């Protein structure tokens, strides 16, 4: 089984990362417009047509382009965000369209959720000036009982109590700062 992780962009102009397993393609953050995401996906083996889910770390504009929510709604891709993100997003027309289509699912503090078949996310609260902000410990079920572990920490200003313990044994630790 092959698991791939690709940073599609990291910077003040936009952030997005792609997790690819044989059964699912999942985006972490959507900090680019739909056409730019399509361009950045080109050559990875993923496309808008293959995406199963999008998982949001926080609502800063470099991690979330609201117009991209319309593309997610149009394609029937599931959008995961924290419960508190709902109040930050619910007034927007693109988010309303996504919510009306039933494409929004929420996660809570440190409660695991399955974003796609065999891909489980555990939210990890992070200190950042856009509360709430989350990193994730991602566990991917593999063939023959082998599992893969990914740590993804976005906009981490400093190490907070217990965070290292959650990512100490991951196979890949991805840190996003800008």
C-alpha atoms as a PDB file:
ATOM      1  CA  UNK A   1       0.000   0.000   0.000  1.00  0.00           C
ATOM      2  CA  UNK A   2       1.274   3.408  -0.868  1.00  0.00           C
ATOM      3  CA  UNK A   3       0.542   6.485   1.224  1.00  0.00           C
ATOM      4  CA  UNK A   4       1.656   9.844  -0.109  1.00  0.00           C
ATOM      5  CA  UNK A   5       1.627  13.313   1.395  1.00  0.00           C
ATOM      6  CA  UNK A   6       2.137  16.403  -0.718  1.00  0.00           C
ATOM      7  CA  UNK A   7       2.271  20.047   0.320  1.00  0.00           C
ATOM      8  CA  UNK A   8       0.411  21.896  -2.428  1.00  0.00           C
ATOM      9  CA  UNK A   9       1.346  25.283  -1.025  1.00  0.00           C
ATOM     10  CA  UNK A  10       2.508  26.922   2.182  1.00  0.00           C
ATOM     11  CA  UNK A  11       2.683  30.659   2.560  1.00  0.00           C
ATOM     12  CA  UNK A  12       0.790  33.811   3.338  1.00  0.00           C
ATOM     13  CA  UNK A  13      -0.929  33.584  -0.060  1.00  0.00           C
ATOM     14  CA  UNK A  14      -2.327  30.114   0.597  1.00  0.00           C
ATOM     15  CA  UNK A  15      -1.978  26.752   2.277  1.00  0.00           C
ATOM     16  CA  UNK A  16      -3.130  23.294   1.272  1.00  0.00           C
ATOM     17  CA  UNK A  17      -1.811  19.770   1.672  1.00  0.00           C
ATOM     18  CA  UNK A  18      -2.863  16.501   0.061  1.00  0.00           C
ATOM     19  CA  UNK A  19      -2.991  13.075   1.695  1.00  0.00           C
ATOM     20  CA  UNK A  20      -3.305  10.188  -0.752  1.00  0.00           C
ATOM     21  CA  UNK A  21      -4.051   6.580   0.147  1.00  0.00           C
ATOM     22  CA  UNK A  22      -5.189   3.850  -2.260  1.00  0.00           C
ATOM     23  CA  UNK A  23      -8.756   4.401  -1.034  1.00  0.00           C
ATOM     24  CA  UNK A  24      -8.957   8.146  -0.500  1.00  0.00           C
ATOM     25  CA  UNK A  25      -7.620  11.560  -1.404  1.00  0.00           C
ATOM     26  CA  UNK A  26      -8.046  14.171   1.352  1.00  0.00           C
ATOM     27  CA  UNK A  27      -7.129  17.856   1.352  1.00  0.00           C
ATOM     28  CA  UNK A  28      -6.036  19.578   4.538  1.00  0.00           C
ATOM     29  CA  UNK A  29      -6.993  23.249   4.171  1.00  0.00           C
ATOM     30  CA  UNK A  30      -8.132  25.058   1.038  1.00  0.00           C
ATOM     31  CA  UNK A  31      -6.183  28.295   0.957  1.00  0.00           C
ATOM     32  CA  UNK A  32      -6.384  28.677  -2.829  1.00  0.00           C
ATOM     33  CA  UNK A  33      -9.171  29.283  -5.329  1.00  0.00           C
ATOM     34  CA  UNK A  34     -10.597  26.207  -7.107  1.00  0.00           C
ATOM     35  CA  UNK A  35      -8.610  26.671 -10.332  1.00  0.00           C
ATOM     36  CA  UNK A  36      -5.336  27.048  -8.479  1.00  0.00           C
ATOM     37  CA  UNK A  37      -6.036  23.945  -6.417  1.00  0.00           C
ATOM     38  CA  UNK A  38      -6.718  22.060  -9.666  1.00  0.00           C
ATOM     39  CA  UNK A  39      -3.395  23.267 -11.074  1.00  0.00           C
ATOM     40  CA  UNK A  40      -1.542  22.292  -7.907  1.00  0.00           C
ATOM     41  CA  UNK A  41      -3.180  18.841  -7.905  1.00  0.00           C
ATOM     42  CA  UNK A  42      -2.068  18.272 -11.506  1.00  0.00           C
ATOM     43  CA  UNK A  43       0.674  15.664 -11.584  1.00  0.00           C
ATOM     44  CA  UNK A  44      -0.040  14.296  -8.090  1.00  0.00           C
ATOM     45  CA  UNK A  45      -2.471  11.605  -9.237  1.00  0.00           C
ATOM     46  CA  UNK A  46      -5.332  13.436  -7.530  1.00  0.00           C
ATOM     47  CA  UNK A  47      -7.912  15.850  -8.905  1.00  0.00           C
ATOM     48  CA  UNK A  48     -11.127  17.517  -7.841  1.00  0.00           C
ATOM     49  CA  UNK A  49     -12.885  14.371  -9.101  1.00  0.00           C
ATOM     50  CA  UNK A  50     -10.959  12.051  -6.771  1.00  0.00           C
ATOM     51  CA  UNK A  51     -11.162  14.085  -3.554  1.00  0.00           C
ATOM     52  CA  UNK A  52     -13.264  12.483  -0.815  1.00  0.00           C
ATOM     53  CA  UNK A  53     -12.879  15.089   1.929  1.00  0.00           C
ATOM     54  CA  UNK A  54     -11.457  18.437   2.970  1.00  0.00           C
ATOM     55  CA  UNK A  55     -10.354  18.999   6.576  1.00  0.00           C
ATOM     56  CA  UNK A  56      -9.985  22.555   7.893  1.00  0.00           C
ATOM     57  CA  UNK A  57      -7.377  23.558  10.504  1.00  0.00           C
ATOM     58  CA  UNK A  58      -8.718  27.102  11.056  1.00  0.00           C
ATOM     59  CA  UNK A  59     -10.488  29.955   9.291  1.00  0.00           C
ATOM     60  CA  UNK A  60      -7.648  32.337   8.411  1.00  0.00           C
ATOM     61  CA  UNK A  61      -7.831  33.380   4.753  1.00  0.00           C
ATOM     62  CA  UNK A  62      -4.566  31.664   3.857  1.00  0.00           C
ATOM     63  CA  UNK A  63      -6.078  28.313   4.945  1.00  0.00           C
ATOM     64  CA  UNK A  64      -9.618  28.818   3.676  1.00  0.00           C
ATOM     65  CA  UNK A  65     -10.811  30.476   0.485  1.00  0.00           C
ATOM     66  CA  UNK A  66     -14.540  30.787   0.880  1.00  0.00           C
ATOM     67  CA  UNK A  67     -15.137  30.641  -2.876  1.00  0.00           C
ATOM     68  CA  UNK A  68     -13.574  27.169  -2.875  1.00  0.00           C
ATOM     69  CA  UNK A  69     -16.427  26.008  -0.640  1.00  0.00           C
ATOM     70  CA  UNK A  70     -18.737  26.353  -3.668  1.00  0.00           C
ATOM     71  CA  UNK A  71     -16.546  23.931  -5.638  1.00  0.00           C
ATOM     72  CA  UNK A  72     -16.599  21.487  -2.737  1.00  0.00           C
ATOM     73  CA  UNK A  73     -20.419  21.726  -2.592  1.00  0.00           C
ATOM     74  CA  UNK A  74     -20.734  21.321  -6.355  1.00  0.00           C
ATOM     75  CA  UNK A  75     -18.653  18.144  -6.291  1.00  0.00           C
ATOM     76  CA  UNK A  76     -20.249  16.618  -3.188  1.00  0.00           C
ATOM     77  CA  UNK A  77     -16.974  16.534  -1.239  1.00  0.00           C
ATOM     78  CA  UNK A  78     -17.362  16.281   2.528  1.00  0.00           C
ATOM     79  CA  UNK A  79     -16.035  19.293   4.440  1.00  0.00           C
ATOM     80  CA  UNK A  80     -14.846  18.787   8.031  1.00  0.00           C
ATOM     81  CA  UNK A  81     -14.431  21.721  10.399  1.00  0.00           C
ATOM     82  CA  UNK A  82     -14.483  22.257  14.133  1.00  0.00           C
ATOM     83  CA  UNK A  83     -17.834  23.052  15.768  1.00  0.00           C
ATOM     84  CA  UNK A  84     -16.652  26.606  16.543  1.00  0.00           C
ATOM     85  CA  UNK A  85     -15.746  27.189  12.885  1.00  0.00           C
ATOM     86  CA  UNK A  86     -19.445  26.926  12.023  1.00  0.00           C
ATOM     87  CA  UNK A  87     -20.236  30.260  13.650  1.00  0.00           C
ATOM     88  CA  UNK A  88     -17.306  31.860  11.814  1.00  0.00           C
ATOM     89  CA  UNK A  89     -18.481  30.498   8.457  1.00  0.00           C
ATOM     90  CA  UNK A  90     -22.255  30.227   8.548  1.00  0.00           C
ATOM     91  CA  UNK A  91     -23.012  33.743   7.264  1.00  0.00           C
ATOM     92  CA  UNK A  92     -21.197  33.205   3.978  1.00  0.00           C
ATOM     93  CA  UNK A  93     -23.130  32.305   0.844  1.00  0.00           C
ATOM     94  CA  UNK A  94     -20.686  29.607  -0.249  1.00  0.00           C
ATOM     95  CA  UNK A  95     -20.798  27.926   3.141  1.00  0.00           C
ATOM     96  CA  UNK A  96     -24.612  28.038   3.120  1.00  0.00           C
ATOM     97  CA  UNK A  97     -24.626  26.180  -0.177  1.00  0.00           C
ATOM     98  CA  UNK A  98     -22.280  23.532   1.193  1.00  0.00           C
ATOM     99  CA  UNK A  99     -24.318  23.162   4.395  1.00  0.00           C
ATOM    100  CA  UNK A 100     -27.597  22.914   2.456  1.00  0.00           C
ATOM    101  CA  UNK A 101     -26.163  20.021   0.460  1.00  0.00           C
ATOM    102  CA  UNK A 102     -25.330  18.192   3.714  1.00  0.00           C
ATOM    103  CA  UNK A 103     -21.623  18.362   3.009  1.00  0.00           C
ATOM    104  CA  UNK A 104     -20.512  19.775   6.369  1.00  0.00           C
ATOM    105  CA  UNK A 105     -19.407  17.571   9.254  1.00  0.00           C
ATOM    106  CA  UNK A 106     -17.951  18.858  12.505  1.00  0.00           C
ATOM    107  CA  UNK A 107     -15.322  17.569  14.866  1.00  0.00           C
ATOM    108  CA  UNK A 108     -14.737  18.355  18.527  1.00  0.00           C
ATOM    109  CA  UNK A 109     -11.651  18.828  20.660  1.00  0.00           C
ATOM    110  CA  UNK A 110      -9.463  15.727  20.472  1.00  0.00           C
ATOM    111  CA  UNK A 111     -12.363  13.541  19.259  1.00  0.00           C
ATOM    112  CA  UNK A 112     -11.359  11.236  16.429  1.00  0.00           C
ATOM    113  CA  UNK A 113     -13.270  11.255  13.159  1.00  0.00           C
ATOM    114  CA  UNK A 114     -13.019   9.272   9.953  1.00  0.00           C
ATOM    115  CA  UNK A 115     -12.553  11.665   7.050  1.00  0.00           C
ATOM    116  CA  UNK A 116     -12.537   8.856   4.485  1.00  0.00           C
ATOM    117  CA  UNK A 117     -12.388   5.072   4.522  1.00  0.00           C
ATOM    118  CA  UNK A 118      -9.402   4.044   6.635  1.00  0.00           C
ATOM    119  CA  UNK A 119      -8.269   7.636   7.307  1.00  0.00           C
ATOM    120  CA  UNK A 120      -8.859   8.773  10.890  1.00  0.00           C
ATOM    121  CA  UNK A 121      -8.054  12.275  12.125  1.00  0.00           C
ATOM    122  CA  UNK A 122      -7.495  13.247  15.744  1.00  0.00           C
ATOM    123  CA  UNK A 123      -7.687  17.029  16.238  1.00  0.00           C
ATOM    124  CA  UNK A 124      -4.906  18.575  18.310  1.00  0.00           C
ATOM    125  CA  UNK A 125      -5.612  22.105  19.620  1.00  0.00           C
ATOM    126  CA  UNK A 126      -2.819  24.529  18.715  1.00  0.00           C
ATOM    127  CA  UNK A 127      -1.954  27.988  20.043  1.00  0.00           C
ATOM    128  CA  UNK A 128      -2.574  30.550  17.298  1.00  0.00           C
ATOM    129  CA  UNK A 129      -4.175  33.971  16.951  1.00  0.00           C
ATOM    130  CA  UNK A 130      -7.212  32.476  15.172  1.00  0.00           C
ATOM    131  CA  UNK A 131      -8.969  30.317  17.722  1.00  0.00           C
ATOM    132  CA  UNK A 132      -9.692  27.557  17.429  1.00  0.00           C
ATOM    133  CA  UNK A 133      -6.784  26.225  15.386  1.00  0.00           C
ATOM    134  CA  UNK A 134      -5.990  22.536  15.059  1.00  0.00           C
ATOM    135  CA  UNK A 135      -3.255  20.245  13.948  1.00  0.00           C
ATOM    136  CA  UNK A 136      -3.969  16.577  13.426  1.00  0.00           C
ATOM    137  CA  UNK A 137      -2.670  13.155  14.134  1.00  0.00           C
ATOM    138  CA  UNK A 138      -3.795  11.095  11.161  1.00  0.00           C
ATOM    139  CA  UNK A 139      -3.892   7.316  11.226  1.00  0.00           C
ATOM    140  CA  UNK A 140      -4.198   5.399   7.981  1.00  0.00           C
ATOM    141  CA  UNK A 141      -5.172   1.737   7.990  1.00  0.00           C
ATOM    142  CA  UNK A 142      -2.968  -0.297   5.730  1.00  0.00           C
ATOM    143  CA  UNK A 143      -2.784  -3.778   4.299  1.00  0.00           C
ATOM    144  CA  UNK A 144      -1.968  -6.667   6.622  1.00  0.00           C
ATOM    145  CA  UNK A 145      -2.579  -4.660   9.776  1.00  0.00           C
ATOM    146  CA  UNK A 146       0.149  -2.101   9.000  1.00  0.00           C
ATOM    147  CA  UNK A 147      -0.877   1.422   9.797  1.00  0.00           C
ATOM    148  CA  UNK A 148       0.714   4.740   8.939  1.00  0.00           C
ATOM    149  CA  UNK A 149       0.772   7.811  11.147  1.00  0.00           C
ATOM    150  CA  UNK A 150       1.042  11.426  10.059  1.00  0.00           C
ATOM    151  CA  UNK A 151       1.345  14.498  12.256  1.00  0.00           C
ATOM    152  CA  UNK A 152       0.226  17.772  10.680  1.00  0.00           C
ATOM    153  CA  UNK A 153       0.691  20.990  12.667  1.00  0.00           C
ATOM    154  CA  UNK A 154      -0.290  24.294  11.048  1.00  0.00           C
ATOM    155  CA  UNK A 155       0.697  27.757  12.270  1.00  0.00           C
ATOM    156  CA  UNK A 156       2.145  26.386  15.476  1.00  0.00           C
ATOM    157  CA  UNK A 157       3.505  29.353  17.428  1.00  0.00           C
ATOM    158  CA  UNK A 158       5.067  27.304  20.217  1.00  0.00           C
ATOM    159  CA  UNK A 159       4.954  23.827  21.718  1.00  0.00           C
ATOM    160  CA  UNK A 160       2.041  23.447  24.081  1.00  0.00           C
ATOM    161  CA  UNK A 161       1.645  20.962  26.892  1.00  0.00           C
ATOM    162  CA  UNK A 162       1.312  17.395  25.685  1.00  0.00           C
ATOM    163  CA  UNK A 163       1.530  18.128  21.969  1.00  0.00           C
ATOM    164  CA  UNK A 164       4.837  16.296  21.496  1.00  0.00           C
ATOM    165  CA  UNK A 165       3.338  13.138  23.011  1.00  0.00           C
ATOM    166  CA  UNK A 166       0.644  13.088  20.316  1.00  0.00           C
ATOM    167  CA  UNK A 167       3.141  13.187  17.453  1.00  0.00           C
ATOM    168  CA  UNK A 168       6.174  11.473  18.967  1.00  0.00           C
ATOM    169  CA  UNK A 169       5.706   8.188  17.088  1.00  0.00           C
ATOM    170  CA  UNK A 170       4.437   9.393  13.702  1.00  0.00           C
ATOM    171  CA  UNK A 171       5.978   8.198  10.451  1.00  0.00           C
ATOM    172  CA  UNK A 172       5.906  11.723   9.029  1.00  0.00           C
ATOM    173  CA  UNK A 173       5.632  15.037  10.833  1.00  0.00           C
ATOM    174  CA  UNK A 174       4.600  17.978   8.659  1.00  0.00           C
ATOM    175  CA  UNK A 175       4.984  21.479  10.126  1.00  0.00           C
ATOM    176  CA  UNK A 176       3.405  24.457   8.367  1.00  0.00           C
ATOM    177  CA  UNK A 177       4.570  27.966   9.302  1.00  0.00           C
ATOM    178  CA  UNK A 178       4.615  31.252   7.470  1.00  0.00           C
END
